[in-house]
Amino acid sequence: MLKLLVYLMFFPIIIAFKMMGWIVKGILGIFKMIGVADFFWKL
């Protein structure tokens, strides 16, 4: 029971970290796309 309680306490934190990771990856992906577009515009 205690283990479940601890798990439930940490679960939102783990989810938040995963979400942050996805957001960072998404932002980096967008920057890469913009960078590639920029590169092609210069050609």
PDB file of N, CA and C in Angstrom:
ATOM      1  N   MET A   1       0.838  -1.201   0.000  1.00  0.00           N
ATOM      2  CA  MET A   1       0.000   0.000   0.000  1.00  0.00           C
ATOM      3  C   MET A   1       0.879   1.260   0.000  1.00  0.00           C
ATOM      4  N   LEU A   2       1.910   1.264   0.845  1.00  0.00           N
ATOM      5  CA  LEU A   2       2.811   2.419   0.947  1.00  0.00           C
ATOM      6  C   LEU A   2       3.554   2.640  -0.364  1.00  0.00           C
ATOM      7  N   LYS A   3       3.960   1.524  -0.991  1.00  0.00           N
ATOM      8  CA  LYS A   3       4.685   1.591  -2.266  1.00  0.00           C
ATOM      9  C   LYS A   3       3.796   2.252  -3.325  1.00  0.00           C
ATOM     10  N   LEU A   4       2.535   1.886  -3.322  1.00  0.00           N
ATOM     11  CA  LEU A   4       1.568   2.443  -4.273  1.00  0.00           C
ATOM     12  C   LEU A   4       1.416   3.949  -4.051  1.00  0.00           C
ATOM     13  N   LEU A   5       1.379   4.341  -2.787  1.00  0.00           N
ATOM     14  CA  LEU A   5       1.241   5.751  -2.415  1.00  0.00           C
ATOM     15  C   LEU A   5       2.441   6.559  -2.915  1.00  0.00           C
ATOM     16  N   VAL A   6       3.639   6.002  -2.701  1.00  0.00           N
ATOM     17  CA  VAL A   6       4.877   6.653  -3.157  1.00  0.00           C
ATOM     18  C   VAL A   6       4.853   6.767  -4.676  1.00  0.00           C
ATOM     19  N   TYR A   7       4.428   5.684  -5.343  1.00  0.00           N
ATOM     20  CA  TYR A   7       4.355   5.660  -6.808  1.00  0.00           C
ATOM     21  C   TYR A   7       3.405   6.745  -7.308  1.00  0.00           C
ATOM     22  N   LEU A   8       2.246   6.851  -6.660  1.00  0.00           N
ATOM     23  CA  LEU A   8       1.255   7.858  -7.048  1.00  0.00           C
ATOM     24  C   LEU A   8       1.783   9.276  -6.824  1.00  0.00           C
ATOM     25  N   MET A   9       2.630   9.445  -5.798  1.00  0.00           N
ATOM     26  CA  MET A   9       3.223  10.754  -5.529  1.00  0.00           C
ATOM     27  C   MET A   9       4.247  11.139  -6.598  1.00  0.00           C
ATOM     28  N   PHE A  10       5.033  10.143  -7.035  1.00  0.00           N
ATOM     29  CA  PHE A  10       6.101  10.423  -7.999  1.00  0.00           C
ATOM     30  C   PHE A  10       5.635  10.388  -9.450  1.00  0.00           C
ATOM     31  N   PHE A  11       4.507   9.718  -9.707  1.00  0.00           N
ATOM     32  CA  PHE A  11       4.004   9.564 -11.074  1.00  0.00           C
ATOM     33  C   PHE A  11       3.845  10.899 -11.806  1.00  0.00           C
ATOM     34  N   PRO A  12       3.182  11.911 -11.220  1.00  0.00           N
ATOM     35  CA  PRO A  12       3.039  13.205 -11.915  1.00  0.00           C
ATOM     36  C   PRO A  12       4.379  13.868 -12.216  1.00  0.00           C
ATOM     37  N   ILE A  13       5.357  13.683 -11.322  1.00  0.00           N
ATOM     38  CA  ILE A  13       6.689  14.269 -11.516  1.00  0.00           C
ATOM     39  C   ILE A  13       7.357  13.625 -12.727  1.00  0.00           C
ATOM     40  N   ILE A  14       7.246  12.283 -12.812  1.00  0.00           N
ATOM     41  CA  ILE A  14       7.834  11.543 -13.937  1.00  0.00           C
ATOM     42  C   ILE A  14       7.170  11.988 -15.240  1.00  0.00           C
ATOM     43  N   ILE A  15       5.837  12.093 -15.221  1.00  0.00           N
ATOM     44  CA  ILE A  15       5.084  12.533 -16.403  1.00  0.00           C
ATOM     45  C   ILE A  15       5.531  13.939 -16.818  1.00  0.00           C
ATOM     46  N   ALA A  16       5.683  14.828 -15.834  1.00  0.00           N
ATOM     47  CA  ALA A  16       6.104  16.205 -16.113  1.00  0.00           C
ATOM     48  C   ALA A  16       7.481  16.232 -16.775  1.00  0.00           C
ATOM     49  N   PHE A  17       8.407  15.397 -16.267  1.00  0.00           N
ATOM     50  CA  PHE A  17       9.749  15.354 -16.856  1.00  0.00           C
ATOM     51  C   PHE A  17       9.695  14.843 -18.291  1.00  0.00           C
ATOM     52  N   LYS A  18       8.863  13.807 -18.528  1.00  0.00           N
ATOM     53  CA  LYS A  18       8.717  13.258 -19.879  1.00  0.00           C
ATOM     54  C   LYS A  18       8.155  14.325 -20.816  1.00  0.00           C
ATOM     55  N   MET A  19       7.134  15.053 -20.327  1.00  0.00           N
ATOM     56  CA  MET A  19       6.512  16.108 -21.122  1.00  0.00           C
ATOM     57  C   MET A  19       7.539  17.184 -21.466  1.00  0.00           C
ATOM     58  N   MET A  20       8.344  17.570 -20.479  1.00  0.00           N
ATOM     59  CA  MET A  20       9.387  18.577 -20.694  1.00  0.00           C
ATOM     60  C   MET A  20      10.361  18.106 -21.763  1.00  0.00           C
ATOM     61  N   GLY A  21      10.715  16.833 -21.701  1.00  0.00           N
ATOM     62  CA  GLY A  21      11.613  16.244 -22.696  1.00  0.00           C
ATOM     63  C   GLY A  21      11.023  16.333 -24.090  1.00  0.00           C
ATOM     64  N   TRP A  22       9.719  16.000 -24.198  1.00  0.00           N
ATOM     65  CA  TRP A  22       9.044  16.053 -25.498  1.00  0.00           C
ATOM     66  C   TRP A  22       8.984  17.481 -26.021  1.00  0.00           C
ATOM     67  N   ILE A  23       8.703  18.434 -25.122  1.00  0.00           N
ATOM     68  CA  ILE A  23       8.612  19.846 -25.515  1.00  0.00           C
ATOM     69  C   ILE A  23       9.968  20.334 -26.028  1.00  0.00           C
ATOM     70  N   VAL A  24      11.041  19.985 -25.292  1.00  0.00           N
ATOM     71  CA  VAL A  24      12.396  20.390 -25.700  1.00  0.00           C
ATOM     72  C   VAL A  24      12.727  19.788 -27.062  1.00  0.00           C
ATOM     73  N   LYS A  25      12.403  18.494 -27.252  1.00  0.00           N
ATOM     74  CA  LYS A  25      12.661  17.829 -28.537  1.00  0.00           C
ATOM     75  C   LYS A  25      11.883  18.507 -29.654  1.00  0.00           C
ATOM     76  N   GLY A  26      10.635  18.861 -29.359  1.00  0.00           N
ATOM     77  CA  GLY A  26       9.787  19.533 -30.339  1.00  0.00           C
ATOM     78  C   GLY A  26      10.365  20.885 -30.745  1.00  0.00           C
ATOM     79  N   ILE A  27      10.799  21.661 -29.753  1.00  0.00           N
ATOM     80  CA  ILE A  27      11.385  22.981 -30.022  1.00  0.00           C
ATOM     81  C   ILE A  27      12.660  22.828 -30.843  1.00  0.00           C
ATOM     82  N   LEU A  28      13.506  21.866 -30.463  1.00  0.00           N
ATOM     83  CA  LEU A  28      14.750  21.630 -31.207  1.00  0.00           C
ATOM     84  C   LEU A  28      14.437  21.209 -32.636  1.00  0.00           C
ATOM     85  N   GLY A  29      13.404  20.377 -32.793  1.00  0.00           N
ATOM     86  CA  GLY A  29      12.981  19.933 -34.123  1.00  0.00           C
ATOM     87  C   GLY A  29      12.545  21.110 -34.984  1.00  0.00           C
ATOM     88  N   ILE A  30      11.778  22.027 -34.388  1.00  0.00           N
ATOM     89  CA  ILE A  30      11.309  23.215 -35.110  1.00  0.00           C
ATOM     90  C   ILE A  30      12.503  24.081 -35.514  1.00  0.00           C
ATOM     91  N   PHE A  31      13.449  24.267 -34.574  1.00  0.00           N
ATOM     92  CA  PHE A  31      14.636  25.072 -34.880  1.00  0.00           C
ATOM     93  C   PHE A  31      15.442  24.439 -36.010  1.00  0.00           C
ATOM     94  N   LYS A  32      15.544  23.100 -35.996  1.00  0.00           N
ATOM     95  CA  LYS A  32      16.276  22.392 -37.054  1.00  0.00           C
ATOM     96  C   LYS A  32      15.591  22.621 -38.392  1.00  0.00           C
ATOM     97  N   MET A  33      14.236  22.530 -38.386  1.00  0.00           N
ATOM     98  CA  MET A  33      13.473  22.738 -39.619  1.00  0.00           C
ATOM     99  C   MET A  33      13.676  24.161 -40.136  1.00  0.00           C
ATOM    100  N   ILE A  34      13.630  25.145 -39.226  1.00  0.00           N
ATOM    101  CA  ILE A  34      13.834  26.552 -39.594  1.00  0.00           C
ATOM    102  C   ILE A  34      15.256  26.729 -40.133  1.00  0.00           C
ATOM    103  N   GLY A  35      16.216  26.109 -39.456  1.00  0.00           N
ATOM    104  CA  GLY A  35      17.616  26.186 -39.886  1.00  0.00           C
ATOM    105  C   GLY A  35      17.806  25.616 -41.277  1.00  0.00           C
ATOM    106  N   VAL A  36      17.162  24.473 -41.534  1.00  0.00           N
ATOM    107  CA  VAL A  36      17.262  23.837 -42.855  1.00  0.00           C
ATOM    108  C   VAL A  36      16.607  24.728 -43.906  1.00  0.00           C
ATOM    109  N   ALA A  37      15.425  25.281 -43.590  1.00  0.00           N
ATOM    110  CA  ALA A  37      14.724  26.177 -44.511  1.00  0.00           C
ATOM    111  C   ALA A  37      15.595  27.402 -44.800  1.00  0.00           C
ATOM    112  N   ASP A  38      16.198  27.950 -43.751  1.00  0.00           N
ATOM    113  CA  ASP A  38      17.093  29.103 -43.857  1.00  0.00           C
ATOM    114  C   ASP A  38      18.250  28.790 -44.799  1.00  0.00           C
ATOM    115  N   PHE A  39      18.810  27.595 -44.617  1.00  0.00           N
ATOM    116  CA  PHE A  39      19.942  27.143 -45.429  1.00  0.00           C
ATOM    117  C   PHE A  39      19.540  27.081 -46.899  1.00  0.00           C
ATOM    118  N   PHE A  40      18.340  26.557 -47.161  1.00  0.00           N
ATOM    119  CA  PHE A  40      17.883  26.443 -48.549  1.00  0.00           C
ATOM    120  C   PHE A  40      17.551  27.808 -49.145  1.00  0.00           C
ATOM    121  N   TRP A  41      17.045  28.737 -48.301  1.00  0.00           N
ATOM    122  CA  TRP A  41      16.746  30.084 -48.794  1.00  0.00           C
ATOM    123  C   TRP A  41      18.030  30.786 -49.230  1.00  0.00           C
ATOM    124  N   LYS A  42      19.129  30.507 -48.515  1.00  0.00           N
ATOM    125  CA  LYS A  42      20.410  31.143 -48.837  1.00  0.00           C
ATOM    126  C   LYS A  42      20.985  30.624 -50.153  1.00  0.00           C
ATOM    127  N   LEU A  43      20.652  29.398 -50.503  1.00  0.00           N
ATOM    128  CA  LEU A  43      21.101  28.845 -51.791  1.00  0.00           C
ATOM    129  C   LEU A  43      20.271  29.481 -52.872  1.00  0.00           C
TER     130      LEU A  43
END
